[in-house]
Amino acid sequence: MEEWQRLASEQGRAEAQLDLAEQRLRLFSSAPSKAPWGQHLGDTMRQRFAVEVVFTSCLTTAEKRAFEDAYNAEVIAHIDRVFGAGAYSLAQADVQRWRTARYDEGLTAV
């Protein structure tokens, strides 16, 4: 791991721990915020875990990505500790099922 990547990851973990201590829960996502499934992702995380999804661009730097990945890892570990092992993955799977169903509906409507 490069030094810049290690530093960005450490900063992401540290910031997440501070936010968790202050009950300020958020996750970074490059999902499209205006797309229905992006909105569904945000709604699902807010309703299930009181987590705000911060939509970021998929056009980013490796350093920012390292920060966000480390930050998210801390928050996901917290979600699984509080809501049960696999709670985050289950929510993600539910969003993906919802997304796929909307996609499939669009295909059959054509």
N, C-alpha and C. Protein backbone atom coordinates (compact mmCIF):
# COMPACT_ATOMS: atom_id res chain seq x y z
N MET A 1 0.85 -1.18 0.00
CA MET A 1 0.00 0.00 0.00
C MET A 1 0.89 1.24 0.00
N GLU A 2 0.56 2.17 -0.86
CA GLU A 2 1.31 3.42 -0.94
C GLU A 2 1.08 4.26 0.32
N GLU A 3 2.04 5.11 0.63
CA GLU A 3 1.94 5.95 1.83
C GLU A 3 0.71 6.86 1.78
N TRP A 4 0.45 7.48 0.64
CA TRP A 4 -0.71 8.37 0.52
C TRP A 4 -2.01 7.61 0.75
N GLN A 5 -2.04 6.36 0.28
CA GLN A 5 -3.23 5.54 0.44
C GLN A 5 -3.43 5.15 1.91
N ARG A 6 -2.33 4.81 2.56
CA ARG A 6 -2.41 4.47 3.98
C ARG A 6 -2.89 5.67 4.79
N LEU A 7 -2.35 6.84 4.50
CA LEU A 7 -2.74 8.05 5.23
C LEU A 7 -4.21 8.40 4.98
N ALA A 8 -4.66 8.30 3.74
CA ALA A 8 -6.06 8.60 3.43
C ALA A 8 -6.99 7.60 4.13
N SER A 9 -6.59 6.34 4.16
CA SER A 9 -7.39 5.32 4.85
C SER A 9 -7.46 5.58 6.34
N GLU A 10 -6.32 5.91 6.93
CA GLU A 10 -6.30 6.22 8.36
C GLU A 10 -7.19 7.43 8.67
N GLN A 11 -7.13 8.43 7.81
CA GLN A 11 -7.96 9.62 8.01
C GLN A 11 -9.45 9.26 7.89
N GLY A 12 -9.78 8.42 6.94
CA GLY A 12 -11.17 7.98 6.78
C GLY A 12 -11.67 7.23 8.00
N ARG A 13 -10.86 6.31 8.49
CA ARG A 13 -11.25 5.56 9.70
C ARG A 13 -11.41 6.49 10.90
N ALA A 14 -10.46 7.41 11.07
CA ALA A 14 -10.51 8.33 12.22
C ALA A 14 -11.74 9.23 12.15
N GLU A 15 -12.04 9.75 10.96
CA GLU A 15 -13.21 10.62 10.83
C GLU A 15 -14.50 9.84 11.08
N ALA A 16 -14.56 8.61 10.59
CA ALA A 16 -15.74 7.78 10.83
C ALA A 16 -15.93 7.52 12.32
N GLN A 17 -14.85 7.23 13.02
CA GLN A 17 -14.96 6.98 14.46
C GLN A 17 -15.46 8.21 15.21
N LEU A 18 -15.01 9.39 14.81
CA LEU A 18 -15.52 10.63 15.42
C LEU A 18 -17.00 10.82 15.11
N ASP A 19 -17.38 10.60 13.87
CA ASP A 19 -18.79 10.75 13.50
C ASP A 19 -19.66 9.73 14.23
N LEU A 20 -19.19 8.50 14.35
CA LEU A 20 -19.95 7.47 15.06
C LEU A 20 -20.12 7.85 16.53
N ALA A 21 -19.08 8.40 17.14
CA ALA A 21 -19.15 8.82 18.54
C ALA A 21 -20.19 9.92 18.73
N GLU A 22 -20.39 10.72 17.69
CA GLU A 22 -21.37 11.81 17.75
C GLU A 22 -22.71 11.41 17.15
N GLN A 23 -22.90 10.12 16.87
CA GLN A 23 -24.13 9.59 16.29
C GLN A 23 -24.46 10.24 14.95
N ARG A 24 -23.45 10.62 14.22
CA ARG A 24 -23.60 11.21 12.89
C ARG A 24 -23.22 10.14 11.88
N LEU A 25 -24.20 9.37 11.45
CA LEU A 25 -23.94 8.22 10.60
C LEU A 25 -24.14 8.57 9.14
N ARG A 26 -23.13 8.27 8.33
CA ARG A 26 -23.23 8.49 6.89
C ARG A 26 -22.38 7.47 6.16
N LEU A 27 -22.72 7.26 4.91
CA LEU A 27 -21.98 6.39 4.02
C LEU A 27 -21.77 7.13 2.70
N PHE A 28 -20.64 6.90 2.09
CA PHE A 28 -20.36 7.48 0.77
C PHE A 28 -20.77 6.48 -0.30
N SER A 29 -21.41 6.97 -1.37
CA SER A 29 -21.81 6.10 -2.47
C SER A 29 -21.67 6.86 -3.78
N SER A 30 -21.20 6.15 -4.79
CA SER A 30 -21.13 6.75 -6.12
C SER A 30 -22.36 6.39 -6.95
N ALA A 31 -23.40 5.88 -6.29
CA ALA A 31 -24.66 5.61 -7.00
C ALA A 31 -25.23 6.94 -7.50
N PRO A 32 -25.95 6.92 -8.59
CA PRO A 32 -26.53 8.17 -9.10
C PRO A 32 -27.66 8.67 -8.19
N SER A 33 -27.45 9.83 -7.60
CA SER A 33 -28.39 10.35 -6.60
C SER A 33 -29.76 10.66 -7.18
N LYS A 34 -29.83 10.98 -8.45
CA LYS A 34 -31.12 11.34 -9.07
C LYS A 34 -31.86 10.14 -9.65
N ALA A 35 -31.17 9.04 -9.80
CA ALA A 35 -31.82 7.83 -10.33
C ALA A 35 -32.71 7.24 -9.24
N PRO A 36 -33.83 6.64 -9.63
CA PRO A 36 -34.72 6.05 -8.62
C PRO A 36 -34.02 5.07 -7.68
N TRP A 37 -33.11 4.25 -8.21
CA TRP A 37 -32.47 3.27 -7.33
C TRP A 37 -31.50 3.96 -6.37
N GLY A 38 -30.88 5.06 -6.77
CA GLY A 38 -30.02 5.82 -5.85
C GLY A 38 -30.85 6.41 -4.72
N GLN A 39 -32.02 6.93 -5.08
CA GLN A 39 -32.93 7.46 -4.06
C GLN A 39 -33.41 6.35 -3.14
N HIS A 40 -33.67 5.18 -3.73
CA HIS A 40 -34.10 4.03 -2.92
C HIS A 40 -32.99 3.60 -1.96
N LEU A 41 -31.77 3.61 -2.44
CA LEU A 41 -30.63 3.30 -1.57
C LEU A 41 -30.58 4.26 -0.39
N GLY A 42 -30.69 5.55 -0.67
CA GLY A 42 -30.67 6.55 0.40
C GLY A 42 -31.81 6.34 1.39
N ASP A 43 -33.00 6.11 0.87
CA ASP A 43 -34.17 5.87 1.73
C ASP A 43 -33.99 4.63 2.59
N THR A 44 -33.48 3.55 1.99
CA THR A 44 -33.30 2.29 2.71
C THR A 44 -32.31 2.46 3.87
N MET A 45 -31.18 3.09 3.60
CA MET A 45 -30.17 3.28 4.64
C MET A 45 -30.67 4.20 5.75
N ARG A 46 -31.42 5.22 5.38
CA ARG A 46 -31.97 6.15 6.37
C ARG A 46 -33.01 5.45 7.25
N GLN A 47 -33.92 4.71 6.61
CA GLN A 47 -35.01 4.07 7.35
C GLN A 47 -34.52 2.92 8.23
N ARG A 48 -33.62 2.11 7.72
CA ARG A 48 -33.18 0.94 8.48
C ARG A 48 -32.14 1.27 9.55
N PHE A 49 -31.23 2.19 9.23
CA PHE A 49 -30.07 2.38 10.10
C PHE A 49 -29.85 3.83 10.55
N ALA A 50 -30.71 4.75 10.13
CA ALA A 50 -30.52 6.18 10.41
C ALA A 50 -29.18 6.67 9.85
N VAL A 51 -28.83 6.17 8.67
CA VAL A 51 -27.58 6.52 8.00
C VAL A 51 -27.92 7.40 6.80
N GLU A 52 -27.23 8.50 6.69
CA GLU A 52 -27.39 9.39 5.54
C GLU A 52 -26.39 8.98 4.46
N VAL A 53 -26.87 8.80 3.25
CA VAL A 53 -25.99 8.46 2.14
C VAL A 53 -25.51 9.76 1.50
N VAL A 54 -24.20 9.89 1.40
CA VAL A 54 -23.58 11.03 0.74
C VAL A 54 -23.20 10.57 -0.66
N PHE A 55 -23.87 11.13 -1.65
CA PHE A 55 -23.61 10.73 -3.02
C PHE A 55 -22.40 11.49 -3.55
N THR A 56 -21.45 10.73 -4.04
CA THR A 56 -20.21 11.31 -4.56
C THR A 56 -20.11 10.97 -6.04
N SER A 57 -19.19 11.59 -6.69
CA SER A 57 -18.98 11.32 -8.11
C SER A 57 -18.16 10.06 -8.29
N CYS A 58 -18.42 9.36 -9.36
CA CYS A 58 -17.57 8.21 -9.68
C CYS A 58 -16.25 8.69 -10.30
N LEU A 59 -16.20 9.96 -10.67
CA LEU A 59 -14.96 10.58 -11.16
C LEU A 59 -14.26 11.18 -9.95
N THR A 60 -13.32 10.46 -9.42
CA THR A 60 -12.69 10.86 -8.17
C THR A 60 -11.21 10.52 -8.21
N THR A 61 -10.53 10.83 -7.13
CA THR A 61 -9.12 10.48 -7.04
C THR A 61 -8.97 9.19 -6.24
N ALA A 62 -7.86 8.54 -6.42
CA ALA A 62 -7.58 7.32 -5.66
C ALA A 62 -7.49 7.62 -4.17
N GLU A 63 -6.97 8.78 -3.84
CA GLU A 63 -6.85 9.17 -2.43
C GLU A 63 -8.23 9.36 -1.79
N LYS A 64 -9.12 10.04 -2.50
CA LYS A 64 -10.48 10.24 -1.98
C LYS A 64 -11.19 8.91 -1.85
N ARG A 65 -10.98 8.04 -2.81
CA ARG A 65 -11.60 6.72 -2.78
C ARG A 65 -11.10 5.91 -1.58
N ALA A 66 -9.80 5.99 -1.30
CA ALA A 66 -9.24 5.28 -0.14
C ALA A 66 -9.85 5.80 1.15
N PHE A 67 -10.02 7.12 1.25
CA PHE A 67 -10.64 7.73 2.43
C PHE A 67 -12.07 7.21 2.58
N GLU A 68 -12.86 7.29 1.49
CA GLU A 68 -14.27 6.89 1.56
C GLU A 68 -14.42 5.40 1.83
N ASP A 69 -13.58 4.57 1.25
CA ASP A 69 -13.66 3.13 1.49
C ASP A 69 -13.39 2.80 2.97
N ALA A 70 -12.37 3.45 3.54
CA ALA A 70 -12.04 3.20 4.95
C ALA A 70 -13.15 3.74 5.86
N TYR A 71 -13.66 4.91 5.52
CA TYR A 71 -14.75 5.50 6.29
C TYR A 71 -15.96 4.56 6.28
N ASN A 72 -16.34 4.13 5.06
CA ASN A 72 -17.49 3.24 4.93
C ASN A 72 -17.29 1.93 5.69
N ALA A 73 -16.10 1.39 5.66
CA ALA A 73 -15.83 0.13 6.36
C ALA A 73 -16.11 0.26 7.86
N GLU A 74 -15.73 1.39 8.44
CA GLU A 74 -16.01 1.63 9.87
C GLU A 74 -17.51 1.70 10.12
N VAL A 75 -18.23 2.42 9.26
CA VAL A 75 -19.67 2.58 9.45
C VAL A 75 -20.39 1.26 9.23
N ILE A 76 -19.98 0.50 8.22
CA ILE A 76 -20.61 -0.79 7.96
C ILE A 76 -20.37 -1.75 9.13
N ALA A 77 -19.19 -1.74 9.69
CA ALA A 77 -18.91 -2.57 10.87
C ALA A 77 -19.81 -2.16 12.03
N HIS A 78 -20.03 -0.87 12.19
CA HIS A 78 -20.92 -0.36 13.24
C HIS A 78 -22.35 -0.84 13.00
N ILE A 79 -22.82 -0.73 11.76
CA ILE A 79 -24.18 -1.18 11.42
C ILE A 79 -24.34 -2.65 11.77
N ASP A 80 -23.37 -3.46 11.38
CA ASP A 80 -23.46 -4.90 11.66
C ASP A 80 -23.37 -5.21 13.15
N ARG A 81 -22.63 -4.41 13.90
CA ARG A 81 -22.58 -4.61 15.36
C ARG A 81 -23.92 -4.26 16.00
N VAL A 82 -24.53 -3.18 15.57
CA VAL A 82 -25.76 -2.69 16.19
C VAL A 82 -26.99 -3.46 15.70
N PHE A 83 -27.06 -3.74 14.41
CA PHE A 83 -28.26 -4.32 13.82
C PHE A 83 -28.15 -5.80 13.52
N GLY A 84 -26.99 -6.37 13.77
CA GLY A 84 -26.80 -7.80 13.55
C GLY A 84 -25.89 -8.07 12.37
N ALA A 85 -25.12 -9.12 12.50
CA ALA A 85 -24.16 -9.48 11.46
C ALA A 85 -24.86 -9.63 10.12
N GLY A 86 -24.32 -8.96 9.11
CA GLY A 86 -24.87 -9.06 7.77
C GLY A 86 -26.01 -8.09 7.48
N ALA A 87 -26.37 -7.24 8.44
CA ALA A 87 -27.49 -6.31 8.23
C ALA A 87 -27.25 -5.38 7.05
N TYR A 88 -26.03 -4.88 6.95
CA TYR A 88 -25.72 -3.97 5.84
C TYR A 88 -25.80 -4.71 4.50
N SER A 89 -25.22 -5.88 4.42
CA SER A 89 -25.24 -6.65 3.17
C SER A 89 -26.67 -7.01 2.78
N LEU A 90 -27.50 -7.31 3.75
CA LEU A 90 -28.90 -7.62 3.47
C LEU A 90 -29.61 -6.40 2.88
N ALA A 91 -29.35 -5.23 3.45
CA ALA A 91 -29.95 -4.00 2.92
C ALA A 91 -29.48 -3.74 1.50
N GLN A 92 -28.19 -3.93 1.24
CA GLN A 92 -27.66 -3.75 -0.10
C GLN A 92 -28.30 -4.73 -1.08
N ALA A 93 -28.47 -5.97 -0.65
CA ALA A 93 -29.10 -6.99 -1.49
C ALA A 93 -30.56 -6.62 -1.78
N ASP A 94 -31.26 -6.09 -0.79
CA ASP A 94 -32.64 -5.65 -0.99
C ASP A 94 -32.71 -4.52 -2.01
N VAL A 95 -31.79 -3.58 -1.93
CA VAL A 95 -31.75 -2.48 -2.90
C VAL A 95 -31.47 -3.03 -4.29
N GLN A 96 -30.54 -3.97 -4.39
CA GLN A 96 -30.22 -4.55 -5.70
C GLN A 96 -31.42 -5.31 -6.27
N ARG A 97 -32.16 -6.02 -5.42
CA ARG A 97 -33.36 -6.73 -5.89
C ARG A 97 -34.40 -5.73 -6.40
N TRP A 98 -34.58 -4.63 -5.64
CA TRP A 98 -35.51 -3.58 -6.04
C TRP A 98 -35.08 -2.99 -7.38
N ARG A 99 -33.80 -2.71 -7.51
CA ARG A 99 -33.25 -2.14 -8.74
C ARG A 99 -33.46 -3.08 -9.93
N THR A 100 -33.17 -4.34 -9.74
CA THR A 100 -33.33 -5.33 -10.81
C THR A 100 -34.80 -5.46 -11.21
N ALA A 101 -35.70 -5.47 -10.23
CA ALA A 101 -37.12 -5.57 -10.52
C ALA A 101 -37.59 -4.37 -11.35
N ARG A 102 -37.15 -3.18 -11.02
CA ARG A 102 -37.52 -1.98 -11.80
C ARG A 102 -36.97 -2.07 -13.21
N TYR A 103 -35.75 -2.57 -13.34
CA TYR A 103 -35.14 -2.74 -14.65
C TYR A 103 -35.93 -3.75 -15.48
N ASP A 104 -36.26 -4.89 -14.86
CA ASP A 104 -36.99 -5.93 -15.56
C ASP A 104 -38.39 -5.43 -15.97
N GLU A 105 -39.03 -4.64 -15.12
CA GLU A 105 -40.33 -4.06 -15.47
C GLU A 105 -40.21 -3.17 -16.70
N GLY A 106 -39.13 -2.43 -16.78
CA GLY A 106 -38.91 -1.56 -17.93
C GLY A 106 -38.71 -2.35 -19.20
N LEU A 107 -38.05 -3.49 -19.10
CA LEU A 107 -37.83 -4.33 -20.29
C LEU A 107 -39.14 -4.94 -20.80
N THR A 108 -40.00 -5.35 -19.87
CA THR A 108 -41.24 -5.98 -20.28
C THR A 108 -42.25 -4.96 -20.79
N ALA A 109 -42.07 -3.69 -20.43
CA ALA A 109 -42.99 -2.65 -20.88
C ALA A 109 -42.72 -2.23 -22.32
N VAL A 110 -41.57 -2.61 -22.83
CA VAL A 110 -41.18 -2.19 -24.20
C VAL A 110 -41.85 -3.03 -25.24
